[in-house]
PDB file of N, CA and C in Angstrom:
ATOM      1  N   UNK A   1      -4.566  -0.166   2.464  1.00  0.00           N
ATOM      2  CA  UNK A   1      -5.708   0.491   1.884  1.00  0.00           C
ATOM      3  C   UNK A   1      -5.339   1.005   0.511  1.00  0.00           C
ATOM      4  N   UNK A   2      -6.350   1.237  -0.292  1.00  0.00           N
ATOM      5  CA  UNK A   2      -6.143   1.817  -1.612  1.00  0.00           C
ATOM      6  C   UNK A   2      -6.780   3.200  -1.577  1.00  0.00           C
ATOM      7  N   UNK A   3      -5.983   4.196  -1.892  1.00  0.00           N
ATOM      8  CA  UNK A   3      -6.418   5.581  -1.830  1.00  0.00           C
ATOM      9  C   UNK A   3      -6.129   6.234  -3.181  1.00  0.00           C
ATOM     10  N   UNK A   4      -6.428   7.495  -3.302  1.00  0.00           N
ATOM     11  CA  UNK A   4      -6.143   8.216  -4.534  1.00  0.00           C
ATOM     12  C   UNK A   4      -5.186   9.361  -4.244  1.00  0.00           C
ATOM     13  N   UNK A   5      -4.101   9.413  -4.999  1.00  0.00           N
ATOM     14  CA  UNK A   5      -3.116  10.490  -4.900  1.00  0.00           C
ATOM     15  C   UNK A   5      -2.902  11.076  -6.283  1.00  0.00           C
ATOM     16  N   UNK A   6      -3.072  12.351  -6.412  1.00  0.00           N
ATOM     17  CA  UNK A   6      -2.885  13.025  -7.698  1.00  0.00           C
ATOM     18  C   UNK A   6      -3.674  12.348  -8.824  1.00  0.00           C
ATOM     19  N   UNK A   7      -4.887  11.910  -8.515  1.00  0.00           N
ATOM     20  CA  UNK A   7      -5.747  11.297  -9.522  1.00  0.00           C
ATOM     21  C   UNK A   7      -5.401   9.858  -9.870  1.00  0.00           C
ATOM     22  N   UNK A   8      -4.487   9.243  -9.117  1.00  0.00           N
ATOM     23  CA  UNK A   8      -4.083   7.852  -9.374  1.00  0.00           C
ATOM     24  C   UNK A   8      -4.314   7.019  -8.124  1.00  0.00           C
ATOM     25  N   UNK A   9      -4.632   5.744  -8.333  1.00  0.00           N
ATOM     26  CA  UNK A   9      -4.798   4.839  -7.186  1.00  0.00           C
ATOM     27  C   UNK A   9      -3.432   4.505  -6.604  1.00  0.00           C
ATOM     28  N   UNK A  10      -3.382   4.494  -5.295  1.00  0.00           N
ATOM     29  CA  UNK A  10      -2.140   4.167  -4.598  1.00  0.00           C
ATOM     30  C   UNK A  10      -2.441   3.142  -3.508  1.00  0.00           C
ATOM     31  N   UNK A  11      -1.608   2.145  -3.432  1.00  0.00           N
ATOM     32  CA  UNK A  11      -1.689   1.116  -2.398  1.00  0.00           C
ATOM     33  C   UNK A  11      -0.812   1.571  -1.239  1.00  0.00           C
ATOM     34  N   UNK A  12      -1.387   1.649  -0.051  1.00  0.00           N
ATOM     35  CA  UNK A  12      -0.649   2.045   1.149  1.00  0.00           C
ATOM     36  C   UNK A  12      -0.839   0.932   2.164  1.00  0.00           C
ATOM     37  N   UNK A  13       0.273   0.377   2.654  1.00  0.00           N
ATOM     38  CA  UNK A  13       0.140  -0.695   3.643  1.00  0.00           C
ATOM     39  C   UNK A  13       1.304  -0.699   4.607  1.00  0.00           C
ATOM     40  N   UNK A  14       1.080  -1.319   5.744  1.00  0.00           N
ATOM     41  CA  UNK A  14       2.092  -1.468   6.776  1.00  0.00           C
ATOM     42  C   UNK A  14       2.465  -2.934   6.805  1.00  0.00           C
ATOM     43  N   UNK A  15       3.667  -3.249   6.374  1.00  0.00           N
ATOM     44  CA  UNK A  15       4.131  -4.631   6.343  1.00  0.00           C
ATOM     45  C   UNK A  15       4.160  -5.175   7.776  1.00  0.00           C
ATOM     46  N   UNK A  16       3.465  -6.282   8.031  1.00  0.00           N
ATOM     47  CA  UNK A  16       3.367  -6.782   9.400  1.00  0.00           C
ATOM     48  C   UNK A  16       4.679  -7.294   9.998  1.00  0.00           C
ATOM     49  N   UNK A  17       5.590  -7.796   9.185  1.00  0.00           N
ATOM     50  CA  UNK A  17       6.835  -8.358   9.746  1.00  0.00           C
ATOM     51  C   UNK A  17       7.734  -7.263  10.319  1.00  0.00           C
ATOM     52  N   UNK A  18       8.262  -6.345   9.481  1.00  0.00           N
ATOM     53  CA  UNK A  18       9.119  -5.306  10.046  1.00  0.00           C
ATOM     54  C   UNK A  18       8.355  -4.063  10.485  1.00  0.00           C
ATOM     55  N   UNK A  19       7.065  -3.943  10.122  1.00  0.00           N
ATOM     56  CA  UNK A  19       6.291  -2.755  10.459  1.00  0.00           C
ATOM     57  C   UNK A  19       6.632  -1.564   9.584  1.00  0.00           C
ATOM     58  N   UNK A  20       7.107  -1.825   8.379  1.00  0.00           N
ATOM     59  CA  UNK A  20       7.532  -0.769   7.469  1.00  0.00           C
ATOM     60  C   UNK A  20       6.360  -0.282   6.618  1.00  0.00           C
ATOM     61  N   UNK A  21       6.092   1.038   6.613  1.00  0.00           N
ATOM     62  CA  UNK A  21       5.035   1.554   5.741  1.00  0.00           C
ATOM     63  C   UNK A  21       5.521   1.611   4.293  1.00  0.00           C
ATOM     64  N   UNK A  22       4.618   1.305   3.367  1.00  0.00           N
ATOM     65  CA  UNK A  22       4.955   1.288   1.945  1.00  0.00           C
ATOM     66  C   UNK A  22       3.809   1.901   1.156  1.00  0.00           C
ATOM     67  N   UNK A  23       4.157   2.603   0.086  1.00  0.00           N
ATOM     68  CA  UNK A  23       3.153   3.189  -0.794  1.00  0.00           C
ATOM     69  C   UNK A  23       3.609   2.987  -2.240  1.00  0.00           C
ATOM     70  N   UNK A  24       2.700   2.535  -3.096  1.00  0.00           N
ATOM     71  CA  UNK A  24       3.025   2.333  -4.509  1.00  0.00           C
ATOM     72  C   UNK A  24       1.769   2.557  -5.342  1.00  0.00           C
ATOM     73  N   UNK A  25       1.947   3.122  -6.528  1.00  0.00           N
ATOM     74  CA  UNK A  25       0.810   3.274  -7.430  1.00  0.00           C
ATOM     75  C   UNK A  25       0.384   1.899  -7.937  1.00  0.00           C
ATOM     76  N   UNK A  26      -0.923   1.732  -8.169  1.00  0.00           N
ATOM     77  CA  UNK A  26      -1.462   0.431  -8.548  1.00  0.00           C
ATOM     78  C   UNK A  26      -2.691   0.584  -9.429  1.00  0.00           C
ATOM     79  N   UNK A  27      -3.043  -0.488 -10.125  1.00  0.00           N
ATOM     80  CA  UNK A  27      -4.301  -0.552 -10.861  1.00  0.00           C
ATOM     81  C   UNK A  27      -5.368  -1.269 -10.037  1.00  0.00           C
ATOM     82  N   UNK A  28      -4.983  -1.836  -8.914  1.00  0.00           N
ATOM     83  CA  UNK A  28      -5.907  -2.605  -8.073  1.00  0.00           C
ATOM     84  C   UNK A  28      -6.990  -1.705  -7.480  1.00  0.00           C
ATOM     85  N   UNK A  29      -8.135  -2.307  -7.201  1.00  0.00           N
ATOM     86  CA  UNK A  29      -9.227  -1.583  -6.553  1.00  0.00           C
ATOM     87  C   UNK A  29      -9.548  -2.171  -5.186  1.00  0.00           C
ATOM     88  N   UNK A  30      -8.975  -3.347  -4.874  1.00  0.00           N
ATOM     89  CA  UNK A  30      -9.218  -3.984  -3.582  1.00  0.00           C
ATOM     90  C   UNK A  30      -8.018  -4.860  -3.226  1.00  0.00           C
ATOM     91  N   UNK A  31      -7.854  -5.118  -1.939  1.00  0.00           N
ATOM     92  CA  UNK A  31      -6.761  -5.969  -1.472  1.00  0.00           C
ATOM     93  C   UNK A  31      -7.153  -6.602  -0.142  1.00  0.00           C
ATOM     94  N   UNK A  32      -6.490  -7.709   0.198  1.00  0.00           N
ATOM     95  CA  UNK A  32      -6.704  -8.330   1.504  1.00  0.00           C
ATOM     96  C   UNK A  32      -5.461  -9.106   1.910  1.00  0.00           C
ATOM     97  N   UNK A  33      -5.299  -9.267   3.214  1.00  0.00           N
ATOM     98  CA  UNK A  33      -4.146  -9.988   3.745  1.00  0.00           C
ATOM     99  C   UNK A  33      -4.434 -11.478   3.807  1.00  0.00           C
ATOM    100  N   UNK A  34      -3.472 -12.272   3.379  1.00  0.00           N
ATOM    101  CA  UNK A  34      -3.490 -13.719   3.545  1.00  0.00           C
ATOM    102  C   UNK A  34      -2.156 -14.057   4.190  1.00  0.00           C
ATOM    103  N   UNK A  35      -2.182 -14.273   5.494  1.00  0.00           N
ATOM    104  CA  UNK A  35      -0.970 -14.432   6.300  1.00  0.00           C
ATOM    105  C   UNK A  35      -0.120 -13.169   6.138  1.00  0.00           C
ATOM    106  N   UNK A  36       1.122 -13.282   5.680  1.00  0.00           N
ATOM    107  CA  UNK A  36       1.994 -12.112   5.521  1.00  0.00           C
ATOM    108  C   UNK A  36       2.071 -11.659   4.064  1.00  0.00           C
ATOM    109  N   UNK A  37       1.074 -12.027   3.273  1.00  0.00           N
ATOM    110  CA  UNK A  37       1.035 -11.644   1.867  1.00  0.00           C
ATOM    111  C   UNK A  37      -0.190 -10.774   1.629  1.00  0.00           C
ATOM    112  N   UNK A  38       0.015  -9.620   1.012  1.00  0.00           N
ATOM    113  CA  UNK A  38      -1.082  -8.732   0.652  1.00  0.00           C
ATOM    114  C   UNK A  38      -1.466  -9.044  -0.789  1.00  0.00           C
ATOM    115  N   UNK A  39      -2.664  -9.562  -0.988  1.00  0.00           N
ATOM    116  CA  UNK A  39      -3.130  -9.993  -2.308  1.00  0.00           C
ATOM    117  C   UNK A  39      -4.042  -8.920  -2.898  1.00  0.00           C
ATOM    118  N   UNK A  40      -3.714  -8.498  -4.122  1.00  0.00           N
ATOM    119  CA  UNK A  40      -4.500  -7.477  -4.818  1.00  0.00           C
ATOM    120  C   UNK A  40      -5.492  -8.135  -5.762  1.00  0.00           C
ATOM    121  N   UNK A  41      -6.571  -7.447  -6.075  1.00  0.00           N
ATOM    122  CA  UNK A  41      -7.586  -8.018  -6.964  1.00  0.00           C
ATOM    123  C   UNK A  41      -7.107  -8.132  -8.411  1.00  0.00           C
ATOM    124  N   UNK A  42      -5.922  -7.643  -8.715  1.00  0.00           N
ATOM    125  CA  UNK A  42      -5.347  -7.779 -10.052  1.00  0.00           C
ATOM    126  C   UNK A  42      -4.576  -9.088 -10.200  1.00  0.00           C
ATOM    127  N   UNK A  43      -4.418  -9.819  -9.091  1.00  0.00           N
ATOM    128  CA  UNK A  43      -3.625 -11.035  -9.100  1.00  0.00           C
ATOM    129  C   UNK A  43      -2.213 -10.788  -8.597  1.00  0.00           C
ATOM    130  N   UNK A  44      -1.802  -9.532  -8.556  1.00  0.00           N
ATOM    131  CA  UNK A  44      -0.490  -9.179  -8.010  1.00  0.00           C
ATOM    132  C   UNK A  44      -0.534  -9.356  -6.493  1.00  0.00           C
ATOM    133  N   UNK A  45       0.636  -9.405  -5.877  1.00  0.00           N
ATOM    134  CA  UNK A  45       0.694  -9.513  -4.422  1.00  0.00           C
ATOM    135  C   UNK A  45       1.971  -8.868  -3.898  1.00  0.00           C
ATOM    136  N   UNK A  46       1.950  -8.544  -2.616  1.00  0.00           N
ATOM    137  CA  UNK A  46       3.102  -7.890  -1.984  1.00  0.00           C
ATOM    138  C   UNK A  46       3.555  -8.706  -0.788  1.00  0.00           C
ATOM    139  N   UNK A  47       4.864  -8.842  -0.692  1.00  0.00           N
ATOM    140  CA  UNK A  47       5.502  -9.423   0.494  1.00  0.00           C
ATOM    141  C   UNK A  47       6.624  -8.474   0.846  1.00  0.00           C
ATOM    142  N   UNK A  48       6.591  -7.974   2.047  1.00  0.00           N
ATOM    143  CA  UNK A  48       7.562  -6.943   2.401  1.00  0.00           C
ATOM    144  C   UNK A  48       7.262  -5.721   1.559  1.00  0.00           C
ATOM    145  N   UNK A  49       8.271  -5.050   1.100  1.00  0.00           N
ATOM    146  CA  UNK A  49       8.082  -3.865   0.270  1.00  0.00           C
ATOM    147  C   UNK A  49       8.174  -4.210  -1.215  1.00  0.00           C
ATOM    148  N   UNK A  50       8.140  -5.515  -1.540  1.00  0.00           N
ATOM    149  CA  UNK A  50       8.285  -5.958  -2.927  1.00  0.00           C
ATOM    150  C   UNK A  50       6.928  -6.365  -3.484  1.00  0.00           C
ATOM    151  N   UNK A  51       6.603  -5.841  -4.676  1.00  0.00           N
ATOM    152  CA  UNK A  51       5.370  -6.229  -5.353  1.00  0.00           C
ATOM    153  C   UNK A  51       5.696  -7.237  -6.443  1.00  0.00           C
ATOM    154  N   UNK A  52       4.867  -8.266  -6.529  1.00  0.00           N
ATOM    155  CA  UNK A  52       5.025  -9.320  -7.523  1.00  0.00           C
ATOM    156  C   UNK A  52       3.814  -9.311  -8.435  1.00  0.00           C
ATOM    157  N   UNK A  53       4.012  -9.579  -9.709  1.00  0.00           N
ATOM    158  CA  UNK A  53       2.913  -9.689 -10.649  1.00  0.00           C
ATOM    159  C   UNK A  53       2.156 -10.988 -10.428  1.00  0.00           C
ATOM    160  N   UNK A  54       1.061 -11.153 -11.122  1.00  0.00           N
ATOM    161  CA  UNK A  54       0.218 -12.339 -10.970  1.00  0.00           C
ATOM    162  C   UNK A  54       0.974 -13.633 -11.274  1.00  0.00           C
ATOM    163  N   UNK A  55       2.018 -13.561 -12.105  1.00  0.00           N
ATOM    164  CA  UNK A  55       2.791 -14.755 -12.455  1.00  0.00           C
ATOM    165  C   UNK A  55       3.946 -15.007 -11.478  1.00  0.00           C
ATOM    166  N   UNK A  56       4.125 -14.126 -10.486  1.00  0.00           N
ATOM    167  CA  UNK A  56       5.160 -14.323  -9.480  1.00  0.00           C
ATOM    168  C   UNK A  56       6.469 -13.603  -9.726  1.00  0.00           C
ATOM    169  N   UNK A  57       6.585 -12.888 -10.837  1.00  0.00           N
ATOM    170  CA  UNK A  57       7.817 -12.137 -11.120  1.00  0.00           C
ATOM    171  C   UNK A  57       7.770 -10.788 -10.400  1.00  0.00           C
ATOM    172  N   UNK A  58       8.931 -10.319  -9.976  1.00  0.00           N
ATOM    173  CA  UNK A  58       9.000  -9.002  -9.345  1.00  0.00           C
ATOM    174  C   UNK A  58       8.470  -7.977 -10.328  1.00  0.00           C
ATOM    175  N   UNK A  59       7.585  -7.111  -9.841  1.00  0.00           N
ATOM    176  CA  UNK A  59       6.904  -6.140 -10.690  1.00  0.00           C
ATOM    177  C   UNK A  59       7.588  -4.781 -10.550  1.00  0.00           C
ATOM    178  N   UNK A  60       7.873  -4.140 -11.660  1.00  0.00           N
ATOM    179  CA  UNK A  60       8.389  -2.778 -11.634  1.00  0.00           C
ATOM    180  C   UNK A  60       7.316  -1.891 -11.021  1.00  0.00           C
ATOM    181  N   UNK A  61       7.710  -1.077 -10.062  1.00  0.00           N
ATOM    182  CA  UNK A  61       6.732  -0.326  -9.289  1.00  0.00           C
ATOM    183  C   UNK A  61       7.075   1.151  -9.259  1.00  0.00           C
ATOM    184  N   UNK A  62       6.103   1.969  -9.589  1.00  0.00           N
ATOM    185  CA  UNK A  62       6.271   3.412  -9.454  1.00  0.00           C
ATOM    186  C   UNK A  62       5.732   3.816  -8.093  1.00  0.00           C
ATOM    187  N   UNK A  63       6.528   4.558  -7.358  1.00  0.00           N
ATOM    188  CA  UNK A  63       6.139   4.954  -6.004  1.00  0.00           C
ATOM    189  C   UNK A  63       6.098   6.476  -5.886  1.00  0.00           C
ATOM    190  N   UNK A  64       5.088   6.985  -5.162  1.00  0.00           N
ATOM    191  CA  UNK A  64       5.086   8.426  -4.880  1.00  0.00           C
ATOM    192  C   UNK A  64       6.167   8.718  -3.833  1.00  0.00           C
ATOM    193  N   UNK A  65       6.377   9.985  -3.539  1.00  0.00           N
ATOM    194  CA  UNK A  65       7.334  10.320  -2.483  1.00  0.00           C
ATOM    195  C   UNK A  65       6.938   9.569  -1.217  1.00  0.00           C
ATOM    196  N   UNK A  66       7.859   8.837  -0.646  1.00  0.00           N
ATOM    197  CA  UNK A  66       7.532   8.003   0.514  1.00  0.00           C
ATOM    198  C   UNK A  66       7.179   8.808   1.751  1.00  0.00           C
ATOM    199  N   UNK A  67       7.485  10.106   1.758  1.00  0.00           N
ATOM    200  CA  UNK A  67       7.092  10.939   2.904  1.00  0.00           C
ATOM    201  C   UNK A  67       5.572  11.000   3.035  1.00  0.00           C
ATOM    202  N   UNK A  68       4.862  10.721   1.947  1.00  0.00           N
ATOM    203  CA  UNK A  68       3.397  10.695   1.982  1.00  0.00           C
ATOM    204  C   UNK A  68       2.907   9.643   2.974  1.00  0.00           C
ATOM    205  N   UNK A  69       3.638   8.536   3.085  1.00  0.00           N
ATOM    206  CA  UNK A  69       3.209   7.470   3.991  1.00  0.00           C
ATOM    207  C   UNK A  69       3.200   7.918   5.442  1.00  0.00           C
ATOM    208  N   UNK A  70       3.953   8.960   5.775  1.00  0.00           N
ATOM    209  CA  UNK A  70       3.979   9.451   7.165  1.00  0.00           C
ATOM    210  C   UNK A  70       2.586   9.816   7.656  1.00  0.00           C
ATOM    211  N   UNK A  71       1.773  10.399   6.786  1.00  0.00           N
ATOM    212  CA  UNK A  71       0.416  10.777   7.196  1.00  0.00           C
ATOM    213  C   UNK A  71      -0.433   9.546   7.498  1.00  0.00           C
ATOM    214  N   UNK A  72      -0.263   8.499   6.729  1.00  0.00           N
ATOM    215  CA  UNK A  72      -1.018   7.272   6.982  1.00  0.00           C
ATOM    216  C   UNK A  72      -0.542   6.617   8.281  1.00  0.00           C
ATOM    217  N   UNK A  73       0.760   6.631   8.517  1.00  0.00           N
ATOM    218  CA  UNK A  73       1.303   6.077   9.762  1.00  0.00           C
ATOM    219  C   UNK A  73       0.791   6.883  10.948  1.00  0.00           C
ATOM    220  N   UNK A  74       0.719   8.191  10.797  1.00  0.00           N
ATOM    221  CA  UNK A  74       0.178   9.044  11.860  1.00  0.00           C
ATOM    222  C   UNK A  74      -1.251   8.623  12.194  1.00  0.00           C
ATOM    223  N   UNK A  75      -2.087   8.473  11.169  1.00  0.00           N
ATOM    224  CA  UNK A  75      -3.490   8.096  11.400  1.00  0.00           C
ATOM    225  C   UNK A  75      -3.598   6.706  12.016  1.00  0.00           C
ATOM    226  N   UNK A  76      -2.698   5.806  11.642  1.00  0.00           N
ATOM    227  CA  UNK A  76      -2.687   4.462  12.205  1.00  0.00           C
ATOM    228  C   UNK A  76      -2.233   4.483  13.669  1.00  0.00           C
ATOM    229  N   UNK A  77      -1.242   5.302  13.974  1.00  0.00           N
ATOM    230  CA  UNK A  77      -0.661   5.370  15.312  1.00  0.00           C
ATOM    231  C   UNK A  77      -1.575   6.073  16.308  1.00  0.00           C
ATOM    232  N   UNK A  78      -2.271   7.099  15.860  1.00  0.00           N
ATOM    233  CA  UNK A  78      -3.129   7.880  16.743  1.00  0.00           C
ATOM    234  C   UNK A  78      -4.582   7.709  16.316  1.00  0.00           C
ATOM    235  N   UNK A  79      -5.280   6.722  16.917  1.00  0.00           N
ATOM    236  CA  UNK A  79      -6.692   6.486  16.558  1.00  0.00           C
ATOM    237  C   UNK A  79      -7.491   7.793  16.664  1.00  0.00           C
ATOM    238  N   UNK A  80      -8.309   8.030  15.682  1.00  0.00           N
ATOM    239  CA  UNK A  80      -9.084   9.262  15.636  1.00  0.00           C
ATOM    240  C   UNK A  80      -8.371  10.351  14.844  1.00  0.00           C
ATOM    241  N   UNK A  81      -7.089  10.118  14.516  1.00  0.00           N
ATOM    242  CA  UNK A  81      -6.351  11.088  13.698  1.00  0.00           C
ATOM    243  C   UNK A  81      -6.921  11.090  12.289  1.00  0.00           C
ATOM    244  N   UNK A  82      -6.941  12.238  11.666  1.00  0.00           N
ATOM    245  CA  UNK A  82      -7.490  12.348  10.317  1.00  0.00           C
ATOM    246  C   UNK A  82      -6.448  12.889   9.367  1.00  0.00           C
ATOM    247  N   UNK A  83      -6.477  12.406   8.133  1.00  0.00           N
ATOM    248  CA  UNK A  83      -5.530  12.895   7.134  1.00  0.00           C
ATOM    249  C   UNK A  83      -6.241  13.629   6.001  1.00  0.00           C
ATOM    250  N   UNK A  84      -7.556  13.728   6.082  1.00  0.00           N
ATOM    251  CA  UNK A  84      -8.321  14.425   5.054  1.00  0.00           C
ATOM    252  C   UNK A  84      -8.972  15.665   5.639  1.00  0.00           C
ATOM    253  N   UNK A  85      -8.984  16.730   4.871  1.00  0.00           N
ATOM    254  CA  UNK A  85      -9.691  17.940   5.280  1.00  0.00           C
ATOM    255  C   UNK A  85     -11.066  17.920   4.630  1.00  0.00           C
ATOM    256  N   UNK A  86     -12.030  18.387   5.366  1.00  0.00           N
ATOM    257  CA  UNK A  86     -13.387  18.430   4.801  1.00  0.00           C
ATOM    258  C   UNK A  86     -13.669  19.758   4.181  1.00  0.00           C
TER     259      UNK A  86
END
């Protein structure tokens, strides 16, 4: 999913192969899975915890504190769990 952290878009996903949660800042506004590749609307894509640019080169990635992903994993693990306060 693409969420907002500190006023910036962040890509949060659970890699299907090892089940590893990952979070990275992005310019993308949408994404979808194609087999084990997460394709972003910017042309970039992710395999594992590695992001690649549209041309296929490894992309330098700025990541927030990875402890943030724990809340997303919690919501994924416990259906009905919420990570937002109203």
